[in-house]
Amino acid sequence: MGIGQEFDVLIGGSNSAPAGVAAKWKLGCYTFVEKDGLRVAAIHAHGALADWNKHHPDRAIKEGDLIVEVDGDLRVEVTGVRGDGNKIKDEIYKGMRPTKLTIRAGKGHTN
C-alpha cells in the first residue's frame, strides 16, 4: 500500500475480533485533529486499532495515518462524516457500535 492510498477498517464489530471474542471499542491510540481528518499519532498495545492490526496485517493502521471518514451507520445509502477532524472525533465517540473508518495511508506505508 502506498502513501496517500485510502482503505477501510471496521472496529467494534464481528469483523474486528476473532470468533468468541468481544470486539473492543476503545480506539487505543493518541490522535490529533487536523482540517482534513484525525491523525493517528501513536497506537497502544491494547485497543480496537491494535486488535485490527493483529488480525489484518495487510491493512494495518500505522502511526501517521489519517482517519478521513467515519461511518457509524453502515447502510449503503447513508454517508459517513468526512473531512473535519473535530467532526470525525465526535462521530467516533458517539457510542459503541460497529463503525467503518476510512484511513489515508501515511509515511509508514511504502509502495
PDB file of N, CA and C in Angstrom:
ATOM      1  N   MET A   1       0.848  -1.169   0.000  1.00  0.00           N
ATOM      2  CA  MET A   1       0.000   0.000   0.000  1.00  0.00           C
ATOM      3  C   MET A   1       0.894   1.233   0.000  1.00  0.00           C
ATOM      4  N   GLY A   2       0.542   2.208  -0.789  1.00  0.00           N
ATOM      5  CA  GLY A   2       1.359   3.399  -0.903  1.00  0.00           C
ATOM      6  C   GLY A   2       0.827   4.567  -0.101  1.00  0.00           C
ATOM      7  N   ILE A   3       1.682   5.514   0.144  1.00  0.00           N
ATOM      8  CA  ILE A   3       1.303   6.732   0.853  1.00  0.00           C
ATOM      9  C   ILE A   3       0.173   7.417   0.092  1.00  0.00           C
ATOM     10  N   GLY A   4      -0.838   7.854   0.821  1.00  0.00           N
ATOM     11  CA  GLY A   4      -1.973   8.554   0.227  1.00  0.00           C
ATOM     12  C   GLY A   4      -3.117   7.662  -0.196  1.00  0.00           C
ATOM     13  N   GLN A   5      -2.907   6.359  -0.285  1.00  0.00           N
ATOM     14  CA  GLN A   5      -4.000   5.446  -0.633  1.00  0.00           C
ATOM     15  C   GLN A   5      -4.959   5.335   0.547  1.00  0.00           C
ATOM     16  N   GLU A   6      -6.237   5.177   0.245  1.00  0.00           N
ATOM     17  CA  GLU A   6      -7.243   5.031   1.285  1.00  0.00           C
ATOM     18  C   GLU A   6      -7.702   3.580   1.374  1.00  0.00           C
ATOM     19  N   PHE A   7      -7.988   3.152   2.614  1.00  0.00           N
ATOM     20  CA  PHE A   7      -8.508   1.813   2.852  1.00  0.00           C
ATOM     21  C   PHE A   7      -9.471   1.864   4.025  1.00  0.00           C
ATOM     22  N   ASP A   8     -10.376   0.895   4.083  1.00  0.00           N
ATOM     23  CA  ASP A   8     -11.401   0.852   5.121  1.00  0.00           C
ATOM     24  C   ASP A   8     -11.073  -0.195   6.172  1.00  0.00           C
ATOM     25  N   VAL A   9     -11.430   0.130   7.414  1.00  0.00           N
ATOM     26  CA  VAL A   9     -11.318  -0.825   8.520  1.00  0.00           C
ATOM     27  C   VAL A   9     -12.630  -0.795   9.295  1.00  0.00           C
ATOM     28  N   LEU A  10     -12.944  -1.888   9.961  1.00  0.00           N
ATOM     29  CA  LEU A  10     -14.166  -1.976  10.755  1.00  0.00           C
ATOM     30  C   LEU A  10     -13.778  -2.239  12.198  1.00  0.00           C
ATOM     31  N   ILE A  11     -14.227  -1.359  13.077  1.00  0.00           N
ATOM     32  CA  ILE A  11     -13.969  -1.554  14.505  1.00  0.00           C
ATOM     33  C   ILE A  11     -15.301  -1.746  15.225  1.00  0.00           C
ATOM     34  N   GLY A  12     -15.240  -2.428  16.355  1.00  0.00           N
ATOM     35  CA  GLY A  12     -16.428  -2.614  17.173  1.00  0.00           C
ATOM     36  C   GLY A  12     -17.444  -3.584  16.613  1.00  0.00           C
ATOM     37  N   GLY A  13     -17.069  -4.362  15.613  1.00  0.00           N
ATOM     38  CA  GLY A  13     -17.993  -5.307  15.004  1.00  0.00           C
ATOM     39  C   GLY A  13     -17.390  -6.684  14.920  1.00  0.00           C
ATOM     40  N   SER A  14     -18.150  -7.618  14.389  1.00  0.00           N
ATOM     41  CA  SER A  14     -17.712  -9.007  14.350  1.00  0.00           C
ATOM     42  C   SER A  14     -16.472  -9.219  13.480  1.00  0.00           C
ATOM     43  N   ASN A  15     -16.211  -8.323  12.535  1.00  0.00           N
ATOM     44  CA  ASN A  15     -15.036  -8.468  11.673  1.00  0.00           C
ATOM     45  C   ASN A  15     -13.762  -7.925  12.314  1.00  0.00           C
ATOM     46  N   SER A  16     -13.878  -7.284  13.465  1.00  0.00           N
ATOM     47  CA  SER A  16     -12.710  -6.661  14.072  1.00  0.00           C
ATOM     48  C   SER A  16     -12.088  -7.511  15.176  1.00  0.00           C
ATOM     49  N   ALA A  17     -12.694  -8.639  15.480  1.00  0.00           N
ATOM     50  CA  ALA A  17     -12.163  -9.528  16.513  1.00  0.00           C
ATOM     51  C   ALA A  17     -12.458 -10.971  16.112  1.00  0.00           C
ATOM     52  N   PRO A  18     -11.652 -11.918  16.583  1.00  0.00           N
ATOM     53  CA  PRO A  18     -11.899 -13.316  16.241  1.00  0.00           C
ATOM     54  C   PRO A  18     -13.194 -13.840  16.865  1.00  0.00           C
ATOM     55  N   ALA A  19     -13.705 -14.911  16.330  1.00  0.00           N
ATOM     56  CA  ALA A  19     -14.937 -15.517  16.843  1.00  0.00           C
ATOM     57  C   ALA A  19     -14.807 -15.818  18.333  1.00  0.00           C
ATOM     58  N   GLY A  20     -15.847 -15.501  19.076  1.00  0.00           N
ATOM     59  CA  GLY A  20     -15.870 -15.771  20.506  1.00  0.00           C
ATOM     60  C   GLY A  20     -15.217 -14.707  21.361  1.00  0.00           C
ATOM     61  N   VAL A  21     -14.658 -13.668  20.745  1.00  0.00           N
ATOM     62  CA  VAL A  21     -14.011 -12.594  21.490  1.00  0.00           C
ATOM     63  C   VAL A  21     -14.801 -11.317  21.270  1.00  0.00           C
ATOM     64  N   ALA A  22     -15.150 -10.635  22.348  1.00  0.00           N
ATOM     65  CA  ALA A  22     -15.891  -9.383  22.236  1.00  0.00           C
ATOM     66  C   ALA A  22     -15.014  -8.314  21.593  1.00  0.00           C
ATOM     67  N   ALA A  23     -15.569  -7.631  20.625  1.00  0.00           N
ATOM     68  CA  ALA A  23     -14.826  -6.557  19.959  1.00  0.00           C
ATOM     69  C   ALA A  23     -14.610  -5.404  20.931  1.00  0.00           C
ATOM     70  N   LYS A  24     -13.442  -4.791  20.850  1.00  0.00           N
ATOM     71  CA  LYS A  24     -13.130  -3.663  21.720  1.00  0.00           C
ATOM     72  C   LYS A  24     -13.593  -2.379  21.046  1.00  0.00           C
ATOM     73  N   TRP A  25     -14.011  -1.429  21.862  1.00  0.00           N
ATOM     74  CA  TRP A  25     -14.429  -0.161  21.313  1.00  0.00           C
ATOM     75  C   TRP A  25     -13.380   0.917  21.527  1.00  0.00           C
ATOM     76  N   LYS A  26     -12.689   0.897  22.635  1.00  0.00           N
ATOM     77  CA  LYS A  26     -11.682   1.916  22.890  1.00  0.00           C
ATOM     78  C   LYS A  26     -10.648   1.866  21.771  1.00  0.00           C
ATOM     79  N   LEU A  27     -10.428   3.006  21.107  1.00  0.00           N
ATOM     80  CA  LEU A  27      -9.506   3.024  19.972  1.00  0.00           C
ATOM     81  C   LEU A  27      -8.106   2.583  20.369  1.00  0.00           C
ATOM     82  N   GLY A  28      -7.634   3.030  21.501  1.00  0.00           N
ATOM     83  CA  GLY A  28      -6.300   2.647  21.934  1.00  0.00           C
ATOM     84  C   GLY A  28      -5.214   3.360  21.149  1.00  0.00           C
ATOM     85  N   CYS A  29      -5.380   4.661  20.984  1.00  0.00           N
ATOM     86  CA  CYS A  29      -4.364   5.428  20.257  1.00  0.00           C
ATOM     87  C   CYS A  29      -4.437   6.894  20.664  1.00  0.00           C
ATOM     88  N   TYR A  30      -3.354   7.593  20.400  1.00  0.00           N
ATOM     89  CA  TYR A  30      -3.358   9.046  20.514  1.00  0.00           C
ATOM     90  C   TYR A  30      -3.646   9.598  19.133  1.00  0.00           C
ATOM     91  N   THR A  31      -4.485  10.624  19.081  1.00  0.00           N
ATOM     92  CA  THR A  31      -4.802  11.270  17.819  1.00  0.00           C
ATOM     93  C   THR A  31      -4.717  12.783  17.999  1.00  0.00           C
ATOM     94  N   PHE A  32      -4.599  13.481  16.898  1.00  0.00           N
ATOM     95  CA  PHE A  32      -4.760  14.926  16.952  1.00  0.00           C
ATOM     96  C   PHE A  32      -5.542  15.390  15.736  1.00  0.00           C
ATOM     97  N   VAL A  33      -6.306  16.439  15.959  1.00  0.00           N
ATOM     98  CA  VAL A  33      -7.235  16.953  14.964  1.00  0.00           C
ATOM     99  C   VAL A  33      -6.485  17.746  13.897  1.00  0.00           C
ATOM    100  N   GLU A  34      -6.864  17.500  12.643  1.00  0.00           N
ATOM    101  CA  GLU A  34      -6.391  18.285  11.509  1.00  0.00           C
ATOM    102  C   GLU A  34      -7.605  18.708  10.696  1.00  0.00           C
ATOM    103  N   LYS A  35      -7.401  19.641   9.777  1.00  0.00           N
ATOM    104  CA  LYS A  35      -8.540  20.128   8.983  1.00  0.00           C
ATOM    105  C   LYS A  35      -9.102  19.051   8.062  1.00  0.00           C
ATOM    106  N   ASP A  36      -8.275  18.062   7.690  1.00  0.00           N
ATOM    107  CA  ASP A  36      -8.721  17.016   6.761  1.00  0.00           C
ATOM    108  C   ASP A  36      -9.007  15.681   7.426  1.00  0.00           C
ATOM    109  N   GLY A  37      -8.919  15.614   8.752  1.00  0.00           N
ATOM    110  CA  GLY A  37      -9.180  14.351   9.417  1.00  0.00           C
ATOM    111  C   GLY A  37      -8.588  14.291  10.810  1.00  0.00           C
ATOM    112  N   LEU A  38      -8.419  13.081  11.281  1.00  0.00           N
ATOM    113  CA  LEU A  38      -7.904  12.813  12.619  1.00  0.00           C
ATOM    114  C   LEU A  38      -6.622  12.001  12.463  1.00  0.00           C
ATOM    115  N   ARG A  39      -5.480  12.600  12.819  1.00  0.00           N
ATOM    116  CA  ARG A  39      -4.173  11.976  12.628  1.00  0.00           C
ATOM    117  C   ARG A  39      -3.892  10.992  13.759  1.00  0.00           C
ATOM    118  N   VAL A  40      -3.454   9.793  13.408  1.00  0.00           N
ATOM    119  CA  VAL A  40      -3.052   8.782  14.386  1.00  0.00           C
ATOM    120  C   VAL A  40      -1.595   9.070  14.753  1.00  0.00           C
ATOM    121  N   ALA A  41      -1.365   9.462  16.009  1.00  0.00           N
ATOM    122  CA  ALA A  41      -0.015   9.827  16.451  1.00  0.00           C
ATOM    123  C   ALA A  41       0.722   8.643  17.060  1.00  0.00           C
ATOM    124  N   ALA A  42       0.005   7.787  17.770  1.00  0.00           N
ATOM    125  CA  ALA A  42       0.615   6.611  18.403  1.00  0.00           C
ATOM    126  C   ALA A  42      -0.476   5.574  18.639  1.00  0.00           C
ATOM    127  N   ILE A  43      -0.131   4.307  18.448  1.00  0.00           N
ATOM    128  CA  ILE A  43      -1.081   3.205  18.668  1.00  0.00           C
ATOM    129  C   ILE A  43      -0.606   2.411  19.879  1.00  0.00           C
ATOM    130  N   HIS A  44      -1.499   2.240  20.845  1.00  0.00           N
ATOM    131  CA  HIS A  44      -1.181   1.481  22.053  1.00  0.00           C
ATOM    132  C   HIS A  44      -1.214  -0.023  21.768  1.00  0.00           C
ATOM    133  N   ALA A  45      -0.686  -0.789  22.691  1.00  0.00           N
ATOM    134  CA  ALA A  45      -0.658  -2.251  22.539  1.00  0.00           C
ATOM    135  C   ALA A  45      -2.046  -2.866  22.664  1.00  0.00           C
ATOM    136  N   HIS A  46      -2.969  -2.161  23.300  1.00  0.00           N
ATOM    137  CA  HIS A  46      -4.322  -2.679  23.507  1.00  0.00           C
ATOM    138  C   HIS A  46      -5.337  -1.669  22.997  1.00  0.00           C
ATOM    139  N   GLY A  47      -6.396  -2.173  22.397  1.00  0.00           N
ATOM    140  CA  GLY A  47      -7.458  -1.317  21.893  1.00  0.00           C
ATOM    141  C   GLY A  47      -7.906  -1.790  20.522  1.00  0.00           C
ATOM    142  N   ALA A  48      -8.903  -1.103  19.981  1.00  0.00           N
ATOM    143  CA  ALA A  48      -9.511  -1.515  18.716  1.00  0.00           C
ATOM    144  C   ALA A  48      -8.518  -1.487  17.558  1.00  0.00           C
ATOM    145  N   LEU A  49      -7.657  -0.469  17.500  1.00  0.00           N
ATOM    146  CA  LEU A  49      -6.712  -0.401  16.380  1.00  0.00           C
ATOM    147  C   LEU A  49      -5.653  -1.494  16.473  1.00  0.00           C
ATOM    148  N   ALA A  50      -5.165  -1.775  17.678  1.00  0.00           N
ATOM    149  CA  ALA A  50      -4.185  -2.857  17.853  1.00  0.00           C
ATOM    150  C   ALA A  50      -4.811  -4.201  17.479  1.00  0.00           C
ATOM    151  N   ASP A  51      -6.066  -4.411  17.871  1.00  0.00           N
ATOM    152  CA  ASP A  51      -6.764  -5.658  17.505  1.00  0.00           C
ATOM    153  C   ASP A  51      -6.899  -5.765  15.989  1.00  0.00           C
ATOM    154  N   TRP A  52      -7.301  -4.677  15.351  1.00  0.00           N
ATOM    155  CA  TRP A  52      -7.440  -4.692  13.892  1.00  0.00           C
ATOM    156  C   TRP A  52      -6.103  -5.057  13.250  1.00  0.00           C
ATOM    157  N   ASN A  53      -5.038  -4.394  13.693  1.00  0.00           N
ATOM    158  CA  ASN A  53      -3.721  -4.633  13.094  1.00  0.00           C
ATOM    159  C   ASN A  53      -3.260  -6.077  13.267  1.00  0.00           C
ATOM    160  N   LYS A  54      -3.570  -6.651  14.409  1.00  0.00           N
ATOM    161  CA  LYS A  54      -3.168  -8.036  14.677  1.00  0.00           C
ATOM    162  C   LYS A  54      -3.847  -9.002  13.704  1.00  0.00           C
ATOM    163  N   HIS A  55      -5.102  -8.755  13.405  1.00  0.00           N
ATOM    164  CA  HIS A  55      -5.877  -9.672  12.578  1.00  0.00           C
ATOM    165  C   HIS A  55      -5.907  -9.296  11.095  1.00  0.00           C
ATOM    166  N   HIS A  56      -5.396  -8.111  10.756  1.00  0.00           N
ATOM    167  CA  HIS A  56      -5.405  -7.648   9.359  1.00  0.00           C
ATOM    168  C   HIS A  56      -4.062  -6.976   9.029  1.00  0.00           C
ATOM    169  N   PRO A  57      -2.968  -7.715   9.083  1.00  0.00           N
ATOM    170  CA  PRO A  57      -1.652  -7.095   8.858  1.00  0.00           C
ATOM    171  C   PRO A  57      -1.483  -6.504   7.459  1.00  0.00           C
ATOM    172  N   ASP A  58      -2.271  -6.967   6.507  1.00  0.00           N
ATOM    173  CA  ASP A  58      -2.194  -6.429   5.145  1.00  0.00           C
ATOM    174  C   ASP A  58      -2.817  -5.042   5.034  1.00  0.00           C
ATOM    175  N   ARG A  59      -3.644  -4.675   6.013  1.00  0.00           N
ATOM    176  CA  ARG A  59      -4.281  -3.353   6.044  1.00  0.00           C
ATOM    177  C   ARG A  59      -4.087  -2.720   7.417  1.00  0.00           C
ATOM    178  N   ALA A  60      -2.890  -2.806   7.938  1.00  0.00           N
ATOM    179  CA  ALA A  60      -2.606  -2.288   9.276  1.00  0.00           C
ATOM    180  C   ALA A  60      -2.648  -0.760   9.299  1.00  0.00           C
ATOM    181  N   ILE A  61      -3.191  -0.236  10.375  1.00  0.00           N
ATOM    182  CA  ILE A  61      -3.175   1.200  10.621  1.00  0.00           C
ATOM    183  C   ILE A  61      -1.838   1.519  11.281  1.00  0.00           C
ATOM    184  N   LYS A  62      -1.175   2.556  10.805  1.00  0.00           N
ATOM    185  CA  LYS A  62       0.147   2.896  11.322  1.00  0.00           C
ATOM    186  C   LYS A  62       0.175   4.331  11.823  1.00  0.00           C
ATOM    187  N   GLU A  63       1.147   4.607  12.684  1.00  0.00           N
ATOM    188  CA  GLU A  63       1.333   5.971  13.154  1.00  0.00           C
ATOM    189  C   GLU A  63       1.558   6.874  11.950  1.00  0.00           C
ATOM    190  N   GLY A  64       0.906   8.007  11.953  1.00  0.00           N
ATOM    191  CA  GLY A  64       0.991   8.933  10.833  1.00  0.00           C
ATOM    192  C   GLY A  64      -0.155   8.823   9.852  1.00  0.00           C
ATOM    193  N   ASP A  65      -0.953   7.747   9.952  1.00  0.00           N
ATOM    194  CA  ASP A  65      -2.121   7.607   9.090  1.00  0.00           C
ATOM    195  C   ASP A  65      -3.172   8.654   9.490  1.00  0.00           C
ATOM    196  N   LEU A  66      -4.057   8.957   8.562  1.00  0.00           N
ATOM    197  CA  LEU A  66      -5.099   9.949   8.779  1.00  0.00           C
ATOM    198  C   LEU A  66      -6.461   9.289   8.648  1.00  0.00           C
ATOM    199  N   ILE A  67      -7.279   9.393   9.687  1.00  0.00           N
ATOM    200  CA  ILE A  67      -8.670   8.934   9.610  1.00  0.00           C
ATOM    201  C   ILE A  67      -9.430  10.038   8.883  1.00  0.00           C
ATOM    202  N   VAL A  68      -9.893   9.746   7.670  1.00  0.00           N
ATOM    203  CA  VAL A  68     -10.535  10.773   6.851  1.00  0.00           C
ATOM    204  C   VAL A  68     -12.054  10.664   6.831  1.00  0.00           C
ATOM    205  N   GLU A  69     -12.572   9.510   7.269  1.00  0.00           N
ATOM    206  CA  GLU A  69     -14.022   9.342   7.304  1.00  0.00           C
ATOM    207  C   GLU A  69     -14.391   8.331   8.367  1.00  0.00           C
ATOM    208  N   VAL A  70     -15.525   8.563   9.011  1.00  0.00           N
ATOM    209  CA  VAL A  70     -16.077   7.607   9.964  1.00  0.00           C
ATOM    210  C   VAL A  70     -17.553   7.424   9.628  1.00  0.00           C
ATOM    211  N   ASP A  71     -17.988   6.166   9.636  1.00  0.00           N
ATOM    212  CA  ASP A  71     -19.370   5.840   9.291  1.00  0.00           C
ATOM    213  C   ASP A  71     -19.909   4.867  10.329  1.00  0.00           C
ATOM    214  N   GLY A  72     -20.689   5.396  11.270  1.00  0.00           N
ATOM    215  CA  GLY A  72     -21.292   4.571  12.304  1.00  0.00           C
ATOM    216  C   GLY A  72     -22.620   3.972  11.884  1.00  0.00           C
ATOM    217  N   ASP A  73     -23.135   4.376  10.741  1.00  0.00           N
ATOM    218  CA  ASP A  73     -24.380   3.841  10.195  1.00  0.00           C
ATOM    219  C   ASP A  73     -23.998   3.125   8.908  1.00  0.00           C
ATOM    220  N   LEU A  74     -23.873   1.828   8.962  1.00  0.00           N
ATOM    221  CA  LEU A  74     -23.270   1.063   7.878  1.00  0.00           C
ATOM    222  C   LEU A  74     -24.184   0.817   6.677  1.00  0.00           C
ATOM    223  N   ARG A  75     -25.348   1.465   6.653  1.00  0.00           N
ATOM    224  CA  ARG A  75     -26.223   1.318   5.490  1.00  0.00           C
ATOM    225  C   ARG A  75     -25.595   2.030   4.293  1.00  0.00           C
ATOM    226  N   VAL A  76     -25.693   1.428   3.129  1.00  0.00           N
ATOM    227  CA  VAL A  76     -25.077   1.956   1.912  1.00  0.00           C
ATOM    228  C   VAL A  76     -25.593   3.349   1.570  1.00  0.00           C
ATOM    229  N   GLU A  77     -26.859   3.574   1.787  1.00  0.00           N
ATOM    230  CA  GLU A  77     -27.468   4.841   1.379  1.00  0.00           C
ATOM    231  C   GLU A  77     -27.126   6.009   2.325  1.00  0.00           C
ATOM    232  N   VAL A  78     -26.461   5.731   3.420  1.00  0.00           N
ATOM    233  CA  VAL A  78     -26.107   6.771   4.390  1.00  0.00           C
ATOM    234  C   VAL A  78     -24.599   7.010   4.321  1.00  0.00           C
ATOM    235  N   THR A  79     -24.214   8.268   4.111  1.00  0.00           N
ATOM    236  CA  THR A  79     -22.792   8.585   4.035  1.00  0.00           C
ATOM    237  C   THR A  79     -22.245   8.905   5.420  1.00  0.00           C
ATOM    238  N   GLY A  80     -20.960   8.708   5.570  1.00  0.00           N
ATOM    239  CA  GLY A  80     -20.310   8.988   6.839  1.00  0.00           C
ATOM    240  C   GLY A  80     -19.887  10.447   6.952  1.00  0.00           C
ATOM    241  N   VAL A  81     -19.199  10.739   8.043  1.00  0.00           N
ATOM    242  CA  VAL A  81     -18.648  12.066   8.281  1.00  0.00           C
ATOM    243  C   VAL A  81     -17.238  12.072   7.725  1.00  0.00           C
ATOM    244  N   ARG A  82     -16.942  13.020   6.852  1.00  0.00           N
ATOM    245  CA  ARG A  82     -15.644  13.069   6.173  1.00  0.00           C
ATOM    246  C   ARG A  82     -15.045  14.461   6.326  1.00  0.00           C
ATOM    247  N   GLY A  83     -13.716  14.498   6.444  1.00  0.00           N
ATOM    248  CA  GLY A  83     -13.027  15.787   6.452  1.00  0.00           C
ATOM    249  C   GLY A  83     -12.648  16.269   7.825  1.00  0.00           C
ATOM    250  N   ASP A  84     -13.345  17.229   8.342  1.00  0.00           N
ATOM    251  CA  ASP A  84     -13.027  17.925   9.587  1.00  0.00           C
ATOM    252  C   ASP A  84     -12.729  16.973  10.741  1.00  0.00           C
ATOM    253  N   GLY A  85     -11.529  17.086  11.304  1.00  0.00           N
ATOM    254  CA  GLY A  85     -11.094  16.198  12.375  1.00  0.00           C
ATOM    255  C   GLY A  85     -11.956  16.248  13.616  1.00  0.00           C
ATOM    256  N   ASN A  86     -12.472  17.435  13.974  1.00  0.00           N
ATOM    257  CA  ASN A  86     -13.334  17.544  15.154  1.00  0.00           C
ATOM    258  C   ASN A  86     -14.637  16.786  14.961  1.00  0.00           C
ATOM    259  N   LYS A  87     -15.214  16.881  13.771  1.00  0.00           N
ATOM    260  CA  LYS A  87     -16.468  16.169  13.481  1.00  0.00           C
ATOM    261  C   LYS A  87     -16.237  14.658  13.463  1.00  0.00           C
ATOM    262  N   ILE A  88     -15.104  14.240  12.905  1.00  0.00           N
ATOM    263  CA  ILE A  88     -14.773  12.807  12.881  1.00  0.00           C
ATOM    264  C   ILE A  88     -14.615  12.289  14.300  1.00  0.00           C
ATOM    265  N   LYS A  89     -13.902  13.012  15.134  1.00  0.00           N
ATOM    266  CA  LYS A  89     -13.694  12.601  16.527  1.00  0.00           C
ATOM    267  C   LYS A  89     -15.022  12.480  17.263  1.00  0.00           C
ATOM    268  N   ASP A  90     -15.903  13.461  17.086  1.00  0.00           N
ATOM    269  CA  ASP A  90     -17.223  13.415  17.716  1.00  0.00           C
ATOM    270  C   ASP A  90     -18.007  12.187  17.266  1.00  0.00           C
ATOM    271  N   GLU A  91     -17.961  11.878  15.982  1.00  0.00           N
ATOM    272  CA  GLU A  91     -18.708  10.735  15.438  1.00  0.00           C
ATOM    273  C   GLU A  91     -18.158   9.411  15.959  1.00  0.00           C
ATOM    274  N   ILE A  92     -16.846   9.301  16.068  1.00  0.00           N
ATOM    275  CA  ILE A  92     -16.239   8.066  16.568  1.00  0.00           C
ATOM    276  C   ILE A  92     -16.722   7.754  17.973  1.00  0.00           C
ATOM    277  N   TYR A  93     -16.830   8.789  18.805  1.00  0.00           N
ATOM    278  CA  TYR A  93     -17.158   8.561  20.207  1.00  0.00           C
ATOM    279  C   TYR A  93     -18.639   8.701  20.536  1.00  0.00           C
ATOM    280  N   LYS A  94     -19.511   8.646  19.526  1.00  0.00           N
ATOM    281  CA  LYS A  94     -20.952   8.714  19.778  1.00  0.00           C
ATOM    282  C   LYS A  94     -21.462   7.512  20.552  1.00  0.00           C
ATOM    283  N   GLY A  95     -20.815   6.396  20.428  1.00  0.00           N
ATOM    284  CA  GLY A  95     -21.282   5.222  21.145  1.00  0.00           C
ATOM    285  C   GLY A  95     -20.662   3.960  20.615  1.00  0.00           C
ATOM    286  N   MET A  96     -20.841   2.895  21.374  1.00  0.00           N
ATOM    287  CA  MET A  96     -20.270   1.609  20.991  1.00  0.00           C
ATOM    288  C   MET A  96     -21.167   0.958  19.946  1.00  0.00           C
ATOM    289  N   ARG A  97     -20.638   0.877  18.731  1.00  0.00           N
ATOM    290  CA  ARG A  97     -21.365   0.255  17.634  1.00  0.00           C
ATOM    291  C   ARG A  97     -20.356  -0.085  16.547  1.00  0.00           C
ATOM    292  N   PRO A  98     -20.658  -1.028  15.697  1.00  0.00           N
ATOM    293  CA  PRO A  98     -19.737  -1.282  14.585  1.00  0.00           C
ATOM    294  C   PRO A  98     -19.569   0.002  13.769  1.00  0.00           C
ATOM    295  N   THR A  99     -18.346   0.331  13.474  1.00  0.00           N
ATOM    296  CA  THR A  99     -18.045   1.583  12.796  1.00  0.00           C
ATOM    297  C   THR A  99     -16.966   1.364  11.747  1.00  0.00           C
ATOM    298  N   LYS A 100     -17.190   1.926  10.567  1.00  0.00           N
ATOM    299  CA  LYS A 100     -16.201   1.847   9.499  1.00  0.00           C
ATOM    300  C   LYS A 100     -15.368   3.128   9.523  1.00  0.00           C
ATOM    301  N   LEU A 101     -14.059   2.956   9.512  1.00  0.00           N
ATOM    302  CA  LEU A 101     -13.138   4.078   9.404  1.00  0.00           C
ATOM    303  C   LEU A 101     -12.471   4.006   8.041  1.00  0.00           C
ATOM    304  N   THR A 102     -12.383   5.126   7.359  1.00  0.00           N
ATOM    305  CA  THR A 102     -11.601   5.199   6.130  1.00  0.00           C
ATOM    306  C   THR A 102     -10.291   5.873   6.497  1.00  0.00           C
ATOM    307  N   ILE A 103      -9.193   5.171   6.187  1.00  0.00           N
ATOM    308  CA  ILE A 103      -7.856   5.599   6.567  1.00  0.00           C
ATOM    309  C   ILE A 103      -7.083   6.010   5.319  1.00  0.00           C
ATOM    310  N   ARG A 104      -6.378   7.135   5.387  1.00  0.00           N
ATOM    311  CA  ARG A 104      -5.446   7.523   4.323  1.00  0.00           C
ATOM    312  C   ARG A 104      -4.037   7.187   4.810  1.00  0.00           C
ATOM    313  N   ALA A 105      -3.378   6.312   4.068  1.00  0.00           N
ATOM    314  CA  ALA A 105      -2.056   5.826   4.468  1.00  0.00           C
ATOM    315  C   ALA A 105      -1.058   6.979   4.563  1.00  0.00           C
ATOM    316  N   GLY A 106      -0.300   6.980   5.656  1.00  0.00           N
ATOM    317  CA  GLY A 106       0.717   7.996   5.883  1.00  0.00           C
ATOM    318  C   GLY A 106       2.114   7.489   5.534  1.00  0.00           C
ATOM    319  N   LYS A 107       3.112   8.139   6.101  1.00  0.00           N
ATOM    320  CA  LYS A 107       4.511   7.849   5.760  1.00  0.00           C
ATOM    321  C   LYS A 107       4.967   6.452   6.181  1.00  0.00           C
ATOM    322  N   GLY A 108       4.252   5.798   7.079  1.00  0.00           N
ATOM    323  CA  GLY A 108       4.627   4.463   7.500  1.00  0.00           C
ATOM    324  C   GLY A 108       4.363   3.379   6.462  1.00  0.00           C
ATOM    325  N   HIS A 109       3.633   3.742   5.409  1.00  0.00           N
ATOM    326  CA  HIS A 109       3.315   2.800   4.330  1.00  0.00           C
ATOM    327  C   HIS A 109       4.255   3.049   3.158  1.00  0.00           C
ATOM    328  N   THR A 110       4.656   1.979   2.506  1.00  0.00           N
ATOM    329  CA  THR A 110       5.517   2.112   1.343  1.00  0.00           C
ATOM    330  C   THR A 110       4.838   1.521   0.123  1.00  0.00           C
ATOM    331  N   ASN A 111       5.268   1.924  -1.029  1.00  0.00           N
ATOM    332  CA  ASN A 111       4.691   1.397  -2.286  1.00  0.00           C
ATOM    333  C   ASN A 111       5.139  -0.013  -2.551  1.00  0.00           C
TER     334      ASN A 111
END
